[in-house]
Amino acid sequence: MRLVARGPKSLVLFNNKGGVGKTTLTFNLAHMFARLGRRVALIDLDPQCNLSALALPDHVLEGIWDDTEPGRTVASCVEKVRVGRGELAEPVGCELADDLYLLPGDLRLSRFEPRLARDWPQIMAEDSEMALHAVTALDRLAVSFANQVDANIVLFDVGPSLGALNRAVLLASDAVVVPLAPDLFSLRGLQNVGEVLHEWRDEWETARVKNLQSANRRREPQPSLPQRLMQPLGYIVQQHLAVADVPVRAYQRWLKQIPASFAEDVLHRPAPALDSVQDDLYCLGFLRHFASLVPLAQAAHKPLFELAHADGVVGSQYQTVARATKAFEQLATGILARLDALGVVASKG
């Protein structure tokens, strides 16, 4: 029996290792989710704003950053919370495509991190209302933006940090997908991801229960505290160097270690006995590196699979666009199936 979702749910692609194509994956998946009939709220929560720069021309992004109206960027939405003087501003997003909306990032979001770091230890205190207000702000922002655009998926983009800002994003996430490259650094990143997911989830659950019990003792209304799953759905391997779709020999040993590392470090389960990473149920996709298309997509502010002759596609690149379309459709379909199986995404309409 298919489970029914309780509302818009959130997904983040997260890895402590940079340079694994996380932002490009997030951008392309958001477009493909929309193509597949989901309504998507895309939120740029990386202060470096790579997603916003990929999605919007410079002059559009400059106009948004120069706009003094509250709510045009994530940073302006949380500014009153950051300074302890009020609630979130109503988000004002951009329509990127049919059923796809972006709340742009802002370099000033980095100023919110010290507040989040300071308030995290305070959420265990008896009187922790102000700290909880800050720590849960990004969850409230995601819900507000999703409701505003009638989205059934919220997709976050984040940096590779393990700091307080990303902790707040993970607390607002129902599901986590880990993008990887077949190298030593990605494997080390998996260990970090596994440790922080379990640590942050346990710490938040302890604080949440303690605050609910405290409200009961004082006979006060129950505080509205999010209870997100932070459920690891699986990982995506990006094959940056390939010959005839087979990774070069130097990467074979790293590939072989990925299933065991993901099972043990992230899922806290015994390592599976597998002949290939592609036999792993948690391997959501094995993507080729679409090198020749990436600069064209960046210049056109389009996903790889929507590039055309007007964007500079020529010759054999048409086959590469077709391969990208098929690859991202399969990847997005697989991710959505797992979200649906968890009961965390409602079909549009």
Protein backbone atom coordinates (compact mmCIF):
# COMPACT_ATOMS: atom_id res chain seq x y z
CA MET A 1 0.00 0.00 0.00
CA ARG A 2 1.32 3.45 -0.95
CA LEU A 3 1.94 5.72 2.02
CA VAL A 4 0.42 9.20 1.95
CA ALA A 5 2.65 12.19 2.61
CA ARG A 6 1.80 14.73 5.29
CA GLY A 7 2.82 17.70 3.17
CA PRO A 8 5.83 19.09 1.30
CA LYS A 9 9.00 17.24 2.23
CA SER A 10 12.63 18.18 1.95
CA LEU A 11 15.72 16.69 0.34
CA VAL A 12 19.36 17.73 0.49
CA LEU A 13 22.41 16.51 -1.42
CA PHE A 14 25.13 16.59 1.21
CA ASN A 15 28.79 15.66 1.46
CA ASN A 16 31.63 17.03 3.53
CA LYS A 17 33.82 16.63 0.43
CA GLY A 18 33.70 19.50 -2.06
CA GLY A 19 34.15 19.20 -5.80
CA VAL A 20 31.71 16.30 -6.26
CA GLY A 21 29.28 18.22 -8.49
CA LYS A 22 26.70 18.67 -5.75
CA THR A 23 25.30 22.00 -6.95
CA THR A 24 25.12 20.90 -10.60
CA LEU A 25 23.36 17.70 -9.52
CA THR A 26 20.91 19.65 -7.36
CA PHE A 27 20.09 22.08 -10.16
CA ASN A 28 19.57 19.36 -12.77
CA LEU A 29 17.55 17.15 -10.42
CA ALA A 30 15.28 20.07 -9.52
CA HIS A 31 14.50 20.63 -13.21
CA MET A 32 13.95 16.91 -13.80
CA PHE A 33 11.67 16.57 -10.76
CA ALA A 34 9.55 19.36 -12.25
CA ARG A 35 9.55 17.62 -15.64
CA LEU A 36 8.31 14.47 -13.95
CA GLY A 37 5.29 16.26 -12.52
CA ARG A 38 6.47 17.41 -9.10
CA ARG A 39 6.29 21.02 -7.94
CA VAL A 40 9.67 22.03 -6.56
CA ALA A 41 10.86 24.74 -4.16
CA LEU A 42 14.61 25.13 -4.58
CA ILE A 43 16.45 26.97 -1.77
CA ASP A 44 20.08 28.11 -1.98
CA LEU A 45 21.51 27.73 1.53
CA ASP A 46 25.17 27.91 0.55
CA PRO A 47 26.59 31.38 1.30
CA GLN A 48 28.79 30.97 -1.80
CA CYS A 49 25.58 31.14 -3.89
CA ASN A 50 26.80 28.79 -6.64
CA LEU A 51 23.29 27.50 -7.24
CA SER A 52 21.87 31.01 -7.62
CA ALA A 53 24.66 31.91 -10.05
CA LEU A 54 23.95 28.75 -12.04
CA ALA A 55 20.22 29.41 -12.15
CA LEU A 56 20.12 33.16 -12.79
CA PRO A 57 21.98 35.61 -15.07
CA ASP A 58 24.30 38.01 -13.29
CA HIS A 59 22.12 41.07 -13.91
CA VAL A 60 19.06 39.32 -12.45
CA LEU A 61 20.95 38.16 -9.38
CA GLU A 62 22.48 41.60 -8.93
CA GLY A 63 19.03 43.16 -9.02
CA ILE A 64 17.77 40.73 -6.37
CA TRP A 65 20.75 41.41 -4.11
CA ASP A 66 20.34 45.17 -4.50
CA ASP A 67 16.62 45.01 -3.74
CA THR A 68 15.91 46.26 -0.22
CA GLU A 69 12.56 44.45 -0.01
CA PRO A 70 12.78 41.77 2.74
CA GLY A 71 12.41 38.19 1.59
CA ARG A 72 14.14 38.33 -1.79
CA THR A 73 17.01 36.14 -0.52
CA VAL A 74 17.47 33.57 2.21
CA ALA A 75 19.63 35.98 4.20
CA SER A 76 17.01 38.74 4.18
CA CYS A 77 14.36 36.20 5.22
CA VAL A 78 16.28 35.21 8.36
CA GLU A 79 17.76 38.63 9.22
CA LYS A 80 15.33 39.49 12.03
CA VAL A 81 15.80 36.03 13.53
CA ARG A 82 19.58 36.45 13.29
CA VAL A 83 19.54 39.66 15.31
CA GLY A 84 16.91 38.37 17.74
CA ARG A 85 14.28 40.97 16.85
CA GLY A 86 11.47 39.13 15.17
CA GLU A 87 10.21 36.43 12.84
CA LEU A 88 11.08 35.38 9.31
CA ALA A 89 10.31 37.68 6.41
CA GLU A 90 7.92 36.23 3.84
CA PRO A 91 10.04 34.61 1.09
CA VAL A 92 9.81 36.07 -2.42
CA GLY A 93 11.09 33.47 -4.90
CA CYS A 94 11.83 33.38 -8.64
CA GLU A 95 10.09 31.11 -11.14
CA LEU A 96 12.80 29.22 -13.03
CA ALA A 97 10.49 26.96 -15.05
CA ASP A 98 7.05 25.43 -14.90
CA ASP A 99 6.63 23.99 -11.39
CA LEU A 100 10.12 25.09 -10.31
CA TYR A 101 10.82 28.05 -7.98
CA LEU A 102 14.06 29.33 -6.45
CA LEU A 103 14.69 31.28 -3.26
CA PRO A 104 18.12 32.77 -4.05
CA GLY A 105 21.14 32.68 -1.78
CA ASP A 106 23.14 35.60 -0.44
CA LEU A 107 26.71 35.88 0.81
CA ARG A 108 25.30 37.55 3.93
CA LEU A 109 23.80 34.23 5.02
CA SER A 110 27.21 33.38 6.49
CA ARG A 111 26.45 35.93 9.26
CA PHE A 112 23.68 33.64 10.51
CA GLU A 113 26.10 30.82 11.32
CA PRO A 114 27.61 32.33 14.51
CA ARG A 115 24.09 32.76 15.90
CA LEU A 116 23.25 29.13 15.11
CA ALA A 117 26.50 27.90 16.65
CA ARG A 118 25.93 29.95 19.83
CA ASP A 119 22.32 28.84 20.22
CA TRP A 120 22.80 25.10 19.64
CA PRO A 121 24.01 24.30 23.20
CA GLN A 122 21.17 26.45 24.57
CA ILE A 123 18.38 24.29 23.12
CA MET A 124 18.80 21.91 26.07
CA ALA A 125 18.16 24.68 28.61
CA GLU A 126 14.87 24.99 30.49
CA ASP A 127 14.17 28.39 28.95
CA SER A 128 15.35 27.84 25.37
CA GLU A 129 12.63 29.56 23.35
CA MET A 130 14.98 32.06 21.67
CA ALA A 131 17.54 29.40 20.80
CA LEU A 132 14.90 27.07 19.38
CA HIS A 133 13.49 29.97 17.38
CA ALA A 134 16.85 30.43 15.63
CA VAL A 135 17.81 26.77 15.23
CA THR A 136 14.48 25.90 13.57
CA ALA A 137 14.29 29.02 11.38
CA LEU A 138 15.39 27.29 8.18
CA ASP A 139 12.76 24.60 8.65
CA ARG A 140 10.06 27.26 9.00
CA LEU A 141 11.44 29.10 5.99
CA ALA A 142 11.32 25.94 3.87
CA VAL A 143 7.72 25.25 4.87
CA SER A 144 6.72 28.85 4.22
CA PHE A 145 8.29 28.93 0.76
CA ALA A 146 6.87 25.53 -0.18
CA ASN A 147 3.39 26.58 0.90
CA GLN A 148 3.68 29.85 -0.98
CA VAL A 149 4.46 28.15 -4.32
CA ASP A 150 2.36 25.04 -3.56
CA ALA A 151 5.42 22.78 -3.79
CA ASN A 152 5.50 19.13 -2.77
CA ILE A 153 9.30 18.89 -2.75
CA VAL A 154 11.78 21.26 -1.12
CA LEU A 155 15.32 20.83 -2.42
CA PHE A 156 18.21 22.48 -0.57
CA ASP A 157 21.65 23.34 -1.88
CA VAL A 158 24.39 23.56 0.75
CA GLY A 159 28.15 23.93 0.96
CA PRO A 160 30.50 21.13 2.05
CA SER A 161 30.81 22.42 5.63
CA LEU A 162 30.02 20.52 8.82
CA GLY A 163 29.24 23.77 10.59
CA ALA A 164 26.18 25.11 12.37
CA LEU A 165 24.48 26.39 9.21
CA ASN A 166 24.46 22.99 7.53
CA ARG A 167 23.37 21.39 10.79
CA ALA A 168 20.27 23.62 10.72
CA VAL A 169 19.66 22.60 7.10
CA LEU A 170 19.95 18.90 7.91
CA LEU A 171 17.50 19.37 10.79
CA ALA A 172 15.06 20.68 8.16
CA SER A 173 15.64 17.71 5.81
CA ASP A 174 13.52 14.60 5.52
CA ALA A 175 15.95 12.82 3.22
CA VAL A 176 19.65 12.97 2.37
CA VAL A 177 21.44 11.88 -0.80
CA VAL A 178 25.24 11.75 -0.82
CA PRO A 179 27.05 12.68 -4.06
CA LEU A 180 30.45 11.01 -4.41
CA ALA A 181 33.49 10.81 -6.62
CA PRO A 182 35.45 7.53 -6.69
CA ASP A 183 38.38 8.79 -4.63
CA LEU A 184 39.88 8.67 -1.16
CA PHE A 185 38.47 12.06 -0.12
CA SER A 186 34.87 11.08 -0.87
CA LEU A 187 35.26 7.96 1.26
CA ARG A 188 36.60 10.04 4.12
CA GLY A 189 33.69 12.41 3.58
CA LEU A 190 31.28 9.47 3.96
CA GLN A 191 32.67 8.78 7.41
CA ASN A 192 32.08 12.40 8.42
CA VAL A 193 28.57 12.43 6.93
CA GLY A 194 27.63 9.29 8.83
CA GLU A 195 28.96 10.60 12.13
CA VAL A 196 27.25 14.00 11.96
CA LEU A 197 23.91 12.65 10.71
CA HIS A 198 23.59 10.35 13.71
CA GLU A 199 25.02 12.89 16.15
CA TRP A 200 22.82 15.80 15.04
CA ARG A 201 19.69 13.67 14.81
CA ASP A 202 20.22 12.23 18.31
CA GLU A 203 21.03 15.60 19.86
CA TRP A 204 18.00 17.25 18.28
CA GLU A 205 15.65 14.43 19.32
CA THR A 206 16.92 14.70 22.89
CA ALA A 207 16.36 18.47 22.89
CA ARG A 208 12.95 18.15 21.23
CA VAL A 209 11.65 15.63 23.75
CA LYS A 210 13.08 17.59 26.67
CA ASN A 211 11.34 20.79 25.54
CA LEU A 212 8.03 19.01 24.99
CA GLN A 213 8.22 17.46 28.47
CA SER A 214 9.15 20.82 29.97
CA ALA A 215 6.10 22.44 28.34
CA ASN A 216 3.91 19.66 29.75
CA ARG A 217 5.26 20.20 33.27
CA ARG A 218 4.59 23.92 33.05
CA ARG A 219 1.17 23.22 31.50
CA GLU A 220 2.07 25.40 28.55
CA PRO A 221 1.12 24.88 24.87
CA GLN A 222 3.32 22.35 23.10
CA PRO A 223 6.06 24.12 21.11
CA SER A 224 6.06 23.44 17.37
CA LEU A 225 9.33 21.58 16.90
CA PRO A 226 10.17 19.84 13.60
CA GLN A 227 10.80 16.11 13.62
CA ARG A 228 12.56 15.47 10.32
CA LEU A 229 13.83 12.06 9.32
CA MET A 230 17.25 13.00 7.91
CA GLN A 231 16.89 9.62 6.17
CA PRO A 232 19.87 8.60 3.98
CA LEU A 233 18.33 7.46 0.68
CA GLY A 234 21.58 6.47 -0.97
CA TYR A 235 24.50 7.89 -2.93
CA ILE A 236 25.31 9.06 -6.45
CA VAL A 237 28.68 8.29 -8.01
CA GLN A 238 29.96 10.78 -10.57
CA GLN A 239 32.33 9.11 -13.00
CA HIS A 240 34.67 11.93 -13.94
CA LEU A 241 37.17 9.88 -15.93
CA ALA A 242 35.91 7.05 -18.09
CA VAL A 243 36.80 4.91 -21.06
CA ALA A 244 33.86 3.12 -22.69
CA ASP A 245 31.75 3.72 -19.56
CA VAL A 246 34.24 1.84 -17.33
CA PRO A 247 36.15 3.82 -14.68
CA VAL A 248 39.91 3.96 -15.18
CA ARG A 249 41.92 1.43 -13.21
CA ALA A 250 43.15 3.94 -10.63
CA TYR A 251 39.60 4.41 -9.33
CA GLN A 252 38.60 0.77 -9.12
CA ARG A 253 39.77 0.28 -5.56
CA TRP A 254 37.89 3.35 -4.35
CA LEU A 255 34.72 2.23 -6.12
CA LYS A 256 34.86 -1.18 -4.46
CA GLN A 257 34.98 0.42 -1.02
CA ILE A 258 31.96 2.70 -1.44
CA PRO A 259 29.15 0.18 -0.65
CA ALA A 260 30.86 -1.01 2.52
CA SER A 261 31.65 2.53 3.67
CA PHE A 262 28.11 3.77 3.05
CA ALA A 263 26.59 0.79 4.86
CA GLU A 264 28.90 0.92 7.86
CA ASP A 265 29.53 4.65 8.24
CA VAL A 266 26.19 6.15 7.17
CA LEU A 267 23.61 3.41 7.76
CA HIS A 268 25.40 1.68 10.66
CA ARG A 269 24.76 -1.68 9.02
CA PRO A 270 27.03 -4.59 8.06
CA ALA A 271 28.82 -4.20 4.75
CA PRO A 272 27.08 -5.98 1.87
CA ALA A 273 28.82 -8.66 -0.19
CA LEU A 274 28.75 -7.23 -3.71
CA ASP A 275 30.64 -7.74 -6.95
CA SER A 276 30.14 -4.15 -8.11
CA VAL A 277 29.09 -0.77 -6.74
CA GLN A 278 26.32 -0.77 -9.33
CA ASP A 279 24.82 -3.84 -7.62
CA ASP A 280 24.37 -1.85 -4.40
CA LEU A 281 20.73 -1.01 -3.66
CA TYR A 282 21.90 2.29 -2.18
CA CYS A 283 23.67 3.34 -5.38
CA LEU A 284 21.05 5.69 -6.82
CA GLY A 285 23.00 6.51 -9.94
CA PHE A 286 26.34 6.18 -11.69
CA LEU A 287 26.72 9.31 -13.81
CA ARG A 288 29.21 10.04 -16.52
CA HIS A 289 30.87 13.44 -16.44
CA PHE A 290 29.19 15.48 -19.17
CA ALA A 291 32.28 17.65 -19.52
CA SER A 292 31.60 19.29 -22.88
CA LEU A 293 28.08 20.37 -21.84
CA VAL A 294 28.86 21.89 -18.46
CA PRO A 295 30.20 25.28 -19.64
CA LEU A 296 27.31 25.57 -22.14
CA ALA A 297 24.79 24.87 -19.38
CA GLN A 298 26.41 27.39 -17.07
CA ALA A 299 26.35 30.10 -19.74
CA ALA A 300 22.72 29.35 -20.67
CA HIS A 301 21.56 28.89 -17.04
CA LYS A 302 19.88 25.66 -18.14
CA PRO A 303 20.00 22.02 -17.09
CA LEU A 304 22.19 19.80 -19.25
CA PHE A 305 19.24 18.04 -20.86
CA GLU A 306 17.61 21.25 -22.14
CA LEU A 307 20.60 22.48 -24.13
CA ALA A 308 20.02 23.06 -27.83
CA HIS A 309 21.73 24.45 -30.92
CA ALA A 310 21.01 28.02 -29.79
CA ASP A 311 23.07 27.30 -26.65
CA GLY A 312 26.07 26.12 -28.67
CA VAL A 313 25.37 22.38 -28.95
CA VAL A 314 26.97 20.93 -32.08
CA GLY A 315 27.81 17.53 -33.59
CA SER A 316 28.24 14.68 -31.15
CA GLN A 317 27.12 16.89 -28.27
CA TYR A 318 23.52 16.13 -29.28
CA GLN A 319 24.12 12.51 -28.28
CA THR A 320 25.60 13.73 -25.00
CA VAL A 321 22.47 15.80 -24.34
CA ALA A 322 20.35 12.69 -25.03
CA ARG A 323 22.50 10.63 -22.62
CA ALA A 324 22.18 13.36 -19.97
CA THR A 325 18.40 13.37 -20.40
CA LYS A 326 18.18 9.61 -19.95
CA ALA A 327 20.62 9.58 -17.01
CA PHE A 328 18.88 12.32 -15.06
CA GLU A 329 15.43 10.95 -15.78
CA GLN A 330 16.47 7.56 -14.40
CA LEU A 331 18.18 9.14 -11.41
CA ALA A 332 15.27 11.46 -10.57
CA THR A 333 12.73 8.66 -11.02
CA GLY A 334 14.70 6.43 -8.66
CA ILE A 335 14.99 9.11 -5.99
CA LEU A 336 11.28 9.94 -6.20
CA ALA A 337 10.38 6.27 -5.90
CA ARG A 338 12.36 6.02 -2.68
CA LEU A 339 10.83 9.19 -1.31
CA ASP A 340 7.36 7.90 -2.17
CA ALA A 341 8.14 4.55 -0.54
CA LEU A 342 9.09 6.43 2.62
CA GLY A 343 5.85 8.38 2.41
CA VAL A 344 7.67 11.68 2.24
CA VAL A 345 6.47 13.11 -1.07
CA ALA A 346 2.96 13.74 -2.32
CA SER A 347 2.18 13.54 -6.02
CA LYS A 348 1.25 16.87 -7.57
CA GLY A 349 -2.48 17.52 -7.69
